[in-house]
N, C-alpha and C. Protein backbone atom coordinates (compact mmCIF):
# COMPACT_ATOMS: atom_id res chain seq x y z
N MET A 1 6.34 9.45 -9.82
CA MET A 1 7.19 10.41 -9.00
C MET A 1 6.85 9.62 -7.68
N ILE A 2 8.20 9.72 -7.03
CA ILE A 2 7.95 9.06 -5.56
C ILE A 2 8.09 10.11 -4.87
N VAL A 3 6.97 10.17 -3.79
CA VAL A 3 6.84 11.15 -2.83
C VAL A 3 7.60 10.40 -1.57
N THR A 4 8.22 11.58 -0.54
CA THR A 4 8.68 11.66 0.21
C THR A 4 8.43 12.59 1.54
N ASP A 5 7.54 11.75 2.34
CA ASP A 5 7.01 12.22 3.30
C ASP A 5 7.74 11.78 4.48
N ALA A 6 7.73 12.48 6.02
CA ALA A 6 9.12 11.97 6.89
C ALA A 6 7.72 10.96 7.90
N GLY A 7 8.58 10.09 8.22
CA GLY A 7 8.07 9.11 9.38
C GLY A 7 6.11 8.81 9.13
N VAL A 8 5.76 8.86 10.28
CA VAL A 8 4.22 8.02 10.38
C VAL A 8 3.16 9.09 9.38
N GLU A 9 3.57 10.32 10.02
CA GLU A 9 2.73 11.27 9.35
C GLU A 9 3.06 11.37 7.93
N GLY A 10 3.93 11.22 7.46
CA GLY A 10 4.15 11.32 5.71
C GLY A 10 3.34 9.94 5.27
N ALA A 11 3.75 8.67 6.15
CA ALA A 11 3.10 7.11 5.61
C ALA A 11 1.44 7.35 5.67
N SER A 12 1.30 7.98 6.93
CA SER A 12 -0.78 8.18 6.38
C SER A 12 -1.39 9.39 5.52
N ALA A 13 -0.08 10.12 5.09
CA ALA A 13 -0.76 11.19 4.29
C ALA A 13 -0.94 10.39 2.90
N PHE A 14 0.60 9.81 2.85
CA PHE A 14 0.37 8.54 1.30
C PHE A 14 -0.51 7.66 1.47
N CYS A 15 -1.09 6.52 2.57
CA CYS A 15 -2.11 6.32 2.79
C CYS A 15 -3.32 6.51 2.30
N ARG A 16 -4.00 7.87 2.73
CA ARG A 16 -4.73 8.75 1.95
C ARG A 16 -5.14 8.87 0.69
N ARG A 17 -3.53 9.27 -0.03
CA ARG A 17 -3.56 9.34 -1.94
C ARG A 17 -3.84 8.49 -2.43
N VAL A 18 -3.42 7.27 -1.15
CA VAL A 18 -3.89 5.82 -1.89
C VAL A 18 -5.25 5.53 -1.92
N VAL A 19 -5.90 5.91 -1.24
CA VAL A 19 -6.86 5.19 -0.94
C VAL A 19 -8.04 6.42 -1.95
N ALA A 20 -7.57 7.80 -2.01
CA ALA A 20 -8.42 8.71 -3.31
C ALA A 20 -7.88 8.04 -4.61
N GLU A 21 -6.95 7.51 -4.67
CA GLU A 21 -7.07 6.90 -6.34
C GLU A 21 -7.45 6.08 -6.48
N CYS A 22 -7.77 5.10 -5.26
CA CYS A 22 -8.49 3.64 -5.47
C CYS A 22 -9.98 4.29 -5.97
N LYS A 23 -10.61 5.15 -5.27
CA LYS A 23 -11.54 5.92 -5.72
C LYS A 23 -11.81 6.44 -7.29
N SER A 24 -10.90 6.31 -8.26
CA SER A 24 -10.77 7.32 -9.10
C SER A 24 -10.20 6.52 -10.45
N SER A 25 -9.32 5.36 -9.59
CA SER A 25 -8.81 4.26 -11.14
C SER A 25 -8.71 3.08 -10.26
N THR A 26 -8.34 2.00 -10.94
CA THR A 26 -8.83 0.60 -11.14
C THR A 26 -7.76 0.13 -10.35
N PRO A 27 -7.55 -0.59 -9.19
CA PRO A 27 -6.00 -0.71 -8.68
C PRO A 27 -6.04 -2.53 -9.22
N ALA A 28 -4.37 -2.01 -9.71
CA ALA A 28 -3.84 -3.21 -10.22
C ALA A 28 -2.58 -4.30 -9.47
N GLY A 29 -2.41 -3.46 -8.25
CA GLY A 29 -1.30 -4.32 -7.23
C GLY A 29 -0.56 -3.45 -6.65
N ALA A 30 0.42 -3.73 -5.78
CA ALA A 30 0.91 -2.86 -5.13
C ALA A 30 2.05 -4.04 -5.26
N TYR A 31 3.66 -3.20 -5.13
CA TYR A 31 4.96 -3.63 -4.74
C TYR A 31 6.07 -2.98 -3.95
N ALA A 32 7.19 -3.33 -3.67
CA ALA A 32 7.80 -2.91 -2.90
C ALA A 32 9.25 -2.89 -3.50
N ASP A 33 10.50 -2.33 -3.58
CA ASP A 33 11.70 -2.20 -3.77
C ASP A 33 12.67 -1.73 -2.79
N ALA A 34 13.50 -1.77 -2.91
CA ALA A 34 14.68 -1.38 -1.74
C ALA A 34 14.33 0.26 -1.55
N ASP A 35 13.89 1.02 -2.10
CA ASP A 35 13.84 2.40 -1.63
C ASP A 35 12.52 2.70 -1.49
N ALA A 36 11.03 1.83 -2.15
CA ALA A 36 9.63 2.55 -2.05
C ALA A 36 9.18 1.36 -2.50
N ALA A 37 7.45 1.76 -1.81
CA ALA A 37 6.29 1.03 -2.08
C ALA A 37 6.10 1.76 -3.34
N HIS A 38 4.74 1.07 -4.00
CA HIS A 38 4.94 1.70 -5.49
C HIS A 38 2.68 0.63 -5.38
N TYR A 39 1.68 1.67 -5.63
CA TYR A 39 0.93 1.00 -5.59
C TYR A 39 0.03 1.46 -7.33
N VAL A 40 -0.52 0.45 -7.70
CA VAL A 40 -0.12 0.67 -9.14
C VAL A 40 -1.70 0.73 -9.59
N PHE A 41 -2.16 1.50 -10.50
CA PHE A 41 -3.72 1.79 -11.15
C PHE A 41 -3.67 1.44 -12.06
N LEU A 42 -5.12 1.37 -12.89
CA LEU A 42 -5.11 1.71 -14.46
C LEU A 42 -6.33 2.73 -14.37
N ASP A 43 -6.10 3.75 -15.60
CA ASP A 43 -7.31 4.39 -16.15
C ASP A 43 -7.21 5.21 -17.20
N GLU A 44 -7.66 5.26 -17.76
CA GLU A 44 -7.76 6.44 -18.88
C GLU A 44 -6.48 6.56 -19.64
N ARG A 45 -5.84 7.05 -19.10
CA ARG A 45 -4.41 7.52 -19.01
C ARG A 45 -3.15 6.48 -18.83
N GLY A 46 -3.84 4.74 -18.75
CA GLY A 46 -3.25 3.51 -19.15
C GLY A 46 -2.56 3.64 -17.37
N PRO A 47 -1.69 2.54 -17.54
CA PRO A 47 -1.31 2.26 -15.95
C PRO A 47 -0.22 3.72 -15.36
N HIS A 48 -0.16 3.25 -14.18
CA HIS A 48 0.54 4.41 -13.53
C HIS A 48 0.70 4.15 -11.82
N ALA A 49 1.87 4.76 -11.29
CA ALA A 49 2.51 4.02 -10.10
C ALA A 49 1.52 5.29 -8.80
N VAL A 50 1.31 5.27 -7.75
CA VAL A 50 1.11 6.11 -7.13
C VAL A 50 2.66 5.63 -5.59
N SER A 51 3.68 6.12 -5.71
CA SER A 51 5.18 5.79 -4.67
C SER A 51 5.79 6.89 -3.29
N HIS A 52 5.81 5.90 -2.48
CA HIS A 52 5.84 6.48 -1.67
C HIS A 52 7.83 5.89 -0.96
N ALA A 53 8.72 7.09 -0.64
CA ALA A 53 10.00 6.45 -0.25
C ALA A 53 9.64 6.21 0.95
N LEU A 54 10.58 4.85 1.18
CA LEU A 54 10.71 4.86 2.45
C LEU A 54 11.76 5.01 3.56
N ASP A 55 11.00 5.63 4.39
CA ASP A 55 11.68 6.10 5.04
C ASP A 55 13.17 5.15 6.08
N ARG A 56 14.00 5.59 7.11
CA ARG A 56 15.19 4.48 7.37
C ARG A 56 14.41 3.39 8.28
N ALA A 57 12.92 3.71 9.03
CA ALA A 57 12.64 2.57 10.04
C ALA A 57 11.53 1.59 8.81
N ARG A 58 11.62 2.18 7.64
CA ARG A 58 10.90 1.27 6.70
C ARG A 58 8.90 1.46 6.89
N HIS A 59 8.70 2.68 7.47
CA HIS A 59 6.87 2.42 7.56
C HIS A 59 5.94 3.08 7.46
N LEU A 60 5.25 2.14 6.96
CA LEU A 60 4.03 2.36 5.93
C LEU A 60 2.45 1.84 6.41
N CYS A 61 1.63 3.22 5.77
CA CYS A 61 0.28 2.81 6.01
C CYS A 61 -0.22 2.04 5.95
N SER A 62 -0.96 0.84 6.08
CA SER A 62 -1.68 -0.14 5.10
C SER A 62 -2.84 0.27 4.36
N VAL A 63 -3.18 -0.04 3.31
CA VAL A 63 -4.32 0.68 2.62
C VAL A 63 -5.14 -0.97 2.77
N SER A 64 -5.14 -1.94 3.08
CA SER A 64 -6.04 -3.02 2.77
C SER A 64 -6.96 -3.21 3.68
N PRO A 65 -7.10 -2.15 5.04
CA PRO A 65 -8.07 -2.25 5.49
C PRO A 65 -9.52 -1.65 4.80
N GLU A 66 -9.44 -0.91 3.94
CA GLU A 66 -10.21 -0.74 3.17
C GLU A 66 -10.20 -0.67 1.77
N PHE A 67 -9.73 -1.10 1.10
CA PHE A 67 -9.35 -1.79 0.34
C PHE A 67 -8.59 -3.46 0.34
N PRO A 68 -9.21 -4.32 0.74
CA PRO A 68 -8.36 -6.08 0.59
C PRO A 68 -7.54 -6.51 -0.42
N LEU A 69 -8.21 -5.74 -2.06
CA LEU A 69 -7.48 -6.37 -2.60
C LEU A 69 -5.83 -6.33 -2.56
N PHE A 70 -5.04 -5.30 -1.60
CA PHE A 70 -3.85 -4.82 -1.73
C PHE A 70 -3.37 -5.92 -0.23
N SER A 71 -4.10 -6.64 0.30
CA SER A 71 -3.85 -7.11 1.70
C SER A 71 -2.58 -8.39 1.29
N TRP A 72 -3.22 -9.27 -0.04
CA TRP A 72 -1.72 -10.25 -0.56
C TRP A 72 -0.40 -9.00 -0.15
N ASP A 73 -0.64 -8.07 -1.30
CA ASP A 73 0.82 -6.97 -1.49
C ASP A 73 1.46 -6.73 -0.54
N GLU A 74 0.58 -6.25 0.31
CA GLU A 74 1.20 -5.69 1.47
C GLU A 74 2.21 -6.52 2.33
N ARG A 75 1.50 -8.00 2.67
CA ARG A 75 1.91 -8.85 3.53
C ARG A 75 3.42 -9.19 2.41
N GLU A 76 3.57 -8.97 0.94
CA GLU A 76 4.71 -9.85 0.68
C GLU A 76 5.33 -8.41 0.81
N MET A 77 4.94 -6.90 0.58
CA MET A 77 6.47 -6.21 0.68
C MET A 77 6.13 -6.19 2.41
N ALA A 78 6.41 -6.54 3.22
CA ALA A 78 6.50 -6.98 4.73
C ALA A 78 7.42 -8.06 5.00
N GLN A 79 7.23 -8.61 4.29
CA GLN A 79 7.95 -10.33 4.33
C GLN A 79 9.42 -10.33 3.56
N GLU A 80 9.20 -9.72 2.28
CA GLU A 80 10.29 -9.97 1.27
C GLU A 80 10.85 -7.88 1.40
N TRP A 81 10.63 -6.96 1.76
CA TRP A 81 11.36 -5.65 2.28
C TRP A 81 10.89 -5.09 2.92
N ASN A 82 10.57 -6.04 4.15
CA ASN A 82 10.95 -5.43 5.64
C ASN A 82 9.79 -3.76 5.95
N VAL A 83 9.31 -3.81 5.30
CA VAL A 83 8.11 -2.71 5.21
C VAL A 83 7.01 -3.07 6.55
N ARG A 84 7.13 -2.16 7.01
CA ARG A 84 6.50 -2.26 8.80
C ARG A 84 5.63 -1.30 8.25
N PHE A 85 3.96 -1.78 8.47
CA PHE A 85 2.62 -1.81 8.08
C PHE A 85 2.19 -1.24 9.47
N PHE A 86 1.36 0.26 9.77
CA PHE A 86 0.51 0.13 10.58
C PHE A 86 -0.86 -0.35 10.43
N ALA A 87 -1.62 -0.32 11.25
CA ALA A 87 -3.21 -0.59 10.51
C ALA A 87 -3.32 -1.26 9.55
N LYS A 88 -2.24 -2.57 9.66
CA LYS A 88 -2.78 -3.28 8.81
C LYS A 88 -3.61 -4.82 9.45
N PRO A 89 -4.79 -5.44 9.28
CA PRO A 89 -5.53 -6.78 9.90
C PRO A 89 -4.48 -7.80 9.65
N ALA A 90 -5.12 -8.14 11.13
CA ALA A 90 -4.23 -9.64 11.29
C ALA A 90 -4.62 -10.86 10.04
N ALA A 91 -3.32 -11.60 9.98
CA ALA A 91 -4.01 -12.67 8.75
C ALA A 91 -4.90 -13.56 9.25
N THR A 92 -5.69 -13.32 9.16
CA THR A 92 -6.70 -14.85 9.69
C THR A 92 -8.00 -14.82 8.76
N THR A 93 -8.34 -15.82 8.52
CA THR A 93 -9.46 -16.86 8.33
C THR A 93 -10.68 -17.00 8.37
N LYS A 94 -11.92 -16.16 7.95
CA LYS A 94 -12.80 -16.65 8.73
C LYS A 94 -13.61 -17.50 7.65
N ILE A 95 -13.93 -19.09 8.60
CA ILE A 95 -15.25 -19.46 8.00
C ILE A 95 -16.43 -19.58 8.09
N GLU A 96 -17.08 -19.48 7.79
CA GLU A 96 -18.61 -19.37 8.30
C GLU A 96 -19.17 -21.31 7.65
N SER A 97 -19.66 -21.15 8.60
CA SER A 97 -20.97 -22.02 8.21
C SER A 97 -22.14 -22.43 7.25
N VAL A 98 -22.27 -23.11 6.50
CA VAL A 98 -23.23 -23.23 5.01
C VAL A 98 -24.32 -24.16 6.08
């Protein structure tokens, strides 16, 4: 089922739904297409997606600050499908001395 919530508030509500699903299922990845963003999970029901129809501005709240597993997938969605994330961490690499 693809959920449509308008604007930044709708994108934030979707982000909260994805974070809640991360706590009850195993995250498997995320992807976008021309019309929606999809976060995929596995649980006892099998694979399923939490999806959000992208509005004209293509805004979506980033889940990767809370679940870094999605960081690469969100970067791909931004680059390949022009999804405009807010609250997305910068692409930096921290190198620690040993």
